[in-house]
């Protein structure tokens, strides 16, 4: 592979250079939605730019412990356990 001397270290390696932490930083810096972040991660993994063991999913379940005390009716969310 021909490379400019400036990028010789990057070009000579076939190893992916981005980790999950790098992906998280990019997503945060670009203020991407969860769906956009998953798409970016999937594309980077498809182009072999992420380590193979990097999981690309952004599912969050923080709401699970509160779902029983809140209700949604007619587009309004309210606490039903006051």
N, C-alpha and C. Protein backbone atom coordinates (compact mmCIF):
# COMPACT_ATOMS: atom_id res chain seq x y z
N UNK A 1 0.84 -1.17 0.00
CA UNK A 1 0.00 0.00 0.00
C UNK A 1 0.89 1.24 0.00
N UNK A 2 0.64 2.16 -0.90
CA UNK A 2 1.39 3.41 -0.95
C UNK A 2 0.80 4.39 0.04
N UNK A 3 1.66 5.01 0.84
CA UNK A 3 1.19 5.96 1.84
C UNK A 3 2.11 7.15 1.88
N UNK A 4 1.54 8.27 2.23
CA UNK A 4 2.33 9.45 2.52
C UNK A 4 3.09 9.17 3.82
N UNK A 5 4.30 9.69 3.94
CA UNK A 5 5.11 9.44 5.13
C UNK A 5 4.40 9.92 6.40
N UNK A 6 3.57 10.93 6.29
CA UNK A 6 2.84 11.45 7.44
C UNK A 6 1.91 10.40 8.03
N UNK A 7 1.34 9.56 7.17
CA UNK A 7 0.37 8.57 7.60
C UNK A 7 0.92 7.15 7.55
N UNK A 8 2.22 7.01 7.51
CA UNK A 8 2.82 5.68 7.35
C UNK A 8 2.39 4.72 8.44
N UNK A 9 2.33 5.16 9.68
CA UNK A 9 1.93 4.27 10.77
C UNK A 9 0.51 3.80 10.65
N UNK A 10 -0.36 4.66 10.17
CA UNK A 10 -1.76 4.31 10.02
C UNK A 10 -1.98 3.43 8.81
N UNK A 11 -1.34 3.74 7.71
CA UNK A 11 -1.57 3.03 6.46
C UNK A 11 -0.99 1.62 6.48
N UNK A 12 0.09 1.41 7.20
CA UNK A 12 0.76 0.11 7.15
C UNK A 12 0.05 -0.94 7.98
N UNK A 13 -0.84 -0.54 8.85
CA UNK A 13 -1.52 -1.48 9.72
C UNK A 13 -2.88 -1.85 9.14
N UNK A 14 -3.21 -3.14 9.20
CA UNK A 14 -4.52 -3.61 8.77
C UNK A 14 -5.48 -3.73 9.94
N UNK A 15 -5.01 -3.40 11.14
CA UNK A 15 -5.83 -3.49 12.33
C UNK A 15 -6.80 -2.31 12.43
N UNK A 16 -8.02 -2.56 12.91
CA UNK A 16 -8.94 -1.45 13.15
C UNK A 16 -8.38 -0.52 14.23
N UNK A 17 -8.64 0.74 14.13
CA UNK A 17 -8.05 1.70 15.04
C UNK A 17 -9.06 2.28 16.03
N UNK A 18 -10.34 2.11 15.81
CA UNK A 18 -11.34 2.72 16.67
C UNK A 18 -11.87 1.71 17.68
N UNK A 19 -12.07 2.16 18.90
CA UNK A 19 -12.64 1.32 19.95
C UNK A 19 -14.05 1.82 20.27
N UNK A 20 -14.71 1.15 21.16
CA UNK A 20 -16.06 1.55 21.59
C UNK A 20 -16.00 2.96 22.20
N UNK A 21 -14.96 3.23 22.96
CA UNK A 21 -14.81 4.56 23.56
C UNK A 21 -14.68 5.64 22.51
N UNK A 22 -13.93 5.35 21.45
CA UNK A 22 -13.79 6.31 20.35
C UNK A 22 -15.15 6.55 19.69
N UNK A 23 -15.90 5.47 19.48
CA UNK A 23 -17.22 5.60 18.86
C UNK A 23 -18.14 6.43 19.75
N UNK A 24 -18.11 6.18 21.06
CA UNK A 24 -18.93 6.96 21.98
C UNK A 24 -18.57 8.44 21.93
N UNK A 25 -17.27 8.74 21.85
CA UNK A 25 -16.81 10.13 21.77
C UNK A 25 -17.32 10.80 20.50
N UNK A 26 -17.24 10.10 19.37
CA UNK A 26 -17.69 10.65 18.09
C UNK A 26 -19.20 10.92 18.14
N UNK A 27 -19.95 9.97 18.67
CA UNK A 27 -21.40 10.12 18.77
C UNK A 27 -21.76 11.33 19.63
N UNK A 28 -21.08 11.47 20.76
CA UNK A 28 -21.34 12.60 21.65
C UNK A 28 -20.94 13.93 21.00
N UNK A 29 -19.76 13.96 20.36
CA UNK A 29 -19.28 15.20 19.74
C UNK A 29 -20.19 15.65 18.59
N UNK A 30 -20.74 14.70 17.85
CA UNK A 30 -21.62 15.04 16.73
C UNK A 30 -23.08 15.16 17.14
N UNK A 31 -23.36 14.89 18.42
CA UNK A 31 -24.72 14.98 18.96
C UNK A 31 -25.69 14.13 18.13
N UNK A 32 -25.31 12.88 17.87
CA UNK A 32 -26.13 11.99 17.06
C UNK A 32 -27.23 11.35 17.88
N UNK A 33 -28.35 11.09 17.24
CA UNK A 33 -29.44 10.35 17.89
C UNK A 33 -29.00 8.89 18.03
N UNK A 34 -29.76 8.12 18.81
CA UNK A 34 -29.39 6.72 19.01
C UNK A 34 -29.44 5.96 17.68
N UNK A 35 -30.42 6.27 16.86
CA UNK A 35 -30.54 5.59 15.57
C UNK A 35 -29.36 5.95 14.66
N UNK A 36 -28.98 7.23 14.64
CA UNK A 36 -27.84 7.66 13.83
C UNK A 36 -26.54 7.04 14.36
N UNK A 37 -26.42 6.94 15.67
CA UNK A 37 -25.22 6.36 16.27
C UNK A 37 -25.10 4.88 15.90
N UNK A 38 -26.21 4.16 15.92
CA UNK A 38 -26.18 2.75 15.52
C UNK A 38 -25.80 2.61 14.06
N UNK A 39 -26.33 3.47 13.22
CA UNK A 39 -25.99 3.43 11.80
C UNK A 39 -24.50 3.71 11.58
N UNK A 40 -23.98 4.74 12.25
CA UNK A 40 -22.56 5.05 12.14
C UNK A 40 -21.71 3.88 12.61
N UNK A 41 -22.04 3.32 13.75
CA UNK A 41 -21.29 2.17 14.27
C UNK A 41 -21.33 0.99 13.33
N UNK A 42 -22.49 0.73 12.78
CA UNK A 42 -22.64 -0.37 11.83
C UNK A 42 -21.80 -0.16 10.58
N UNK A 43 -21.83 1.05 10.06
CA UNK A 43 -21.02 1.36 8.86
C UNK A 43 -19.53 1.25 9.16
N UNK A 44 -19.08 1.80 10.29
CA UNK A 44 -17.66 1.73 10.64
C UNK A 44 -17.22 0.28 10.82
N UNK A 45 -18.09 -0.54 11.41
CA UNK A 45 -17.77 -1.95 11.58
C UNK A 45 -17.73 -2.65 10.22
N UNK A 46 -18.65 -2.31 9.34
CA UNK A 46 -18.67 -2.90 8.00
C UNK A 46 -17.43 -2.54 7.18
N UNK A 47 -16.87 -1.38 7.44
CA UNK A 47 -15.66 -0.94 6.74
C UNK A 47 -14.39 -1.38 7.47
N UNK A 48 -14.57 -2.21 8.52
CA UNK A 48 -13.46 -2.75 9.31
C UNK A 48 -12.64 -1.65 9.98
N UNK A 49 -13.32 -0.60 10.43
CA UNK A 49 -12.65 0.48 11.14
C UNK A 49 -12.81 0.35 12.65
N UNK A 50 -13.69 -0.55 13.09
CA UNK A 50 -13.86 -0.84 14.51
C UNK A 50 -13.29 -2.22 14.80
N UNK A 51 -12.84 -2.42 16.03
CA UNK A 51 -12.38 -3.74 16.42
C UNK A 51 -13.53 -4.74 16.27
N UNK A 52 -13.24 -5.96 15.82
CA UNK A 52 -14.30 -6.95 15.58
C UNK A 52 -15.16 -7.24 16.80
N UNK A 53 -14.62 -7.14 18.01
CA UNK A 53 -15.40 -7.45 19.21
C UNK A 53 -16.22 -6.27 19.72
N UNK A 54 -16.22 -5.15 18.99
CA UNK A 54 -16.99 -3.98 19.39
C UNK A 54 -18.47 -4.23 19.11
N UNK A 55 -19.30 -4.11 20.16
CA UNK A 55 -20.74 -4.26 19.99
C UNK A 55 -21.32 -2.91 19.60
N UNK A 56 -22.21 -2.93 18.62
CA UNK A 56 -22.84 -1.70 18.15
C UNK A 56 -24.32 -1.76 18.50
N UNK A 57 -24.65 -1.30 19.70
CA UNK A 57 -26.04 -1.20 20.11
C UNK A 57 -26.13 -0.14 21.20
N UNK A 58 -27.20 0.59 21.20
CA UNK A 58 -27.36 1.69 22.13
C UNK A 58 -28.70 1.61 22.84
N UNK A 59 -29.09 0.41 23.21
CA UNK A 59 -30.37 0.24 23.89
C UNK A 59 -30.21 0.62 25.35
N UNK A 60 -31.11 1.43 25.83
CA UNK A 60 -31.07 1.84 27.23
C UNK A 60 -32.36 1.42 27.91
N UNK A 61 -32.23 1.04 29.13
CA UNK A 61 -33.40 0.59 29.88
C UNK A 61 -33.52 1.30 31.22
N UNK A 62 -33.09 2.56 31.26
CA UNK A 62 -33.15 3.31 32.51
C UNK A 62 -34.58 3.51 33.01
N UNK A 63 -35.51 3.49 32.09
CA UNK A 63 -36.90 3.76 32.43
C UNK A 63 -37.60 2.59 33.12
N UNK A 64 -37.02 1.40 33.03
CA UNK A 64 -37.68 0.19 33.51
C UNK A 64 -38.13 0.30 34.97
N UNK A 65 -37.30 0.84 35.86
CA UNK A 65 -37.67 0.88 37.27
C UNK A 65 -38.78 1.90 37.56
N UNK A 66 -39.03 2.82 36.63
CA UNK A 66 -40.06 3.85 36.84
C UNK A 66 -41.34 3.61 36.05
N UNK A 67 -41.36 2.63 35.17
CA UNK A 67 -42.50 2.47 34.27
C UNK A 67 -43.80 2.16 35.00
N UNK A 68 -43.73 1.56 36.20
CA UNK A 68 -44.96 1.22 36.91
C UNK A 68 -45.58 2.40 37.64
N UNK A 69 -44.82 3.47 37.88
CA UNK A 69 -45.39 4.61 38.62
C UNK A 69 -45.79 5.76 37.69
N UNK A 70 -45.56 5.60 36.38
CA UNK A 70 -45.97 6.62 35.41
C UNK A 70 -46.92 6.01 34.40
N UNK A 71 -47.83 6.83 33.90
CA UNK A 71 -48.79 6.38 32.89
C UNK A 71 -48.81 7.37 31.73
N UNK A 72 -49.22 6.87 30.58
CA UNK A 72 -49.36 7.70 29.39
C UNK A 72 -50.79 7.57 28.89
N UNK A 73 -51.50 8.69 28.87
CA UNK A 73 -52.87 8.69 28.36
C UNK A 73 -53.07 9.93 27.51
N UNK A 74 -53.54 9.76 26.31
CA UNK A 74 -53.82 10.86 25.38
C UNK A 74 -52.61 11.78 25.19
N UNK A 75 -51.43 11.20 25.13
CA UNK A 75 -50.22 11.97 24.89
C UNK A 75 -49.68 12.69 26.12
N UNK A 76 -50.27 12.44 27.29
CA UNK A 76 -49.84 13.08 28.53
C UNK A 76 -49.24 12.02 29.45
N UNK A 77 -48.05 12.27 29.97
CA UNK A 77 -47.41 11.37 30.92
C UNK A 77 -47.60 11.95 32.31
N UNK A 78 -48.02 11.11 33.25
CA UNK A 78 -48.23 11.57 34.61
C UNK A 78 -47.86 10.48 35.61
N UNK A 79 -47.53 10.92 36.80
CA UNK A 79 -47.20 10.01 37.88
C UNK A 79 -48.50 9.50 38.48
N UNK A 80 -48.69 8.20 38.51
CA UNK A 80 -49.93 7.64 39.05
C UNK A 80 -49.74 7.09 40.46
N UNK A 81 -48.56 7.30 41.06
CA UNK A 81 -48.26 6.77 42.39
C UNK A 81 -47.72 7.90 43.27
N UNK A 82 -48.64 8.81 43.63
CA UNK A 82 -48.22 9.99 44.40
C UNK A 82 -48.23 9.68 45.89
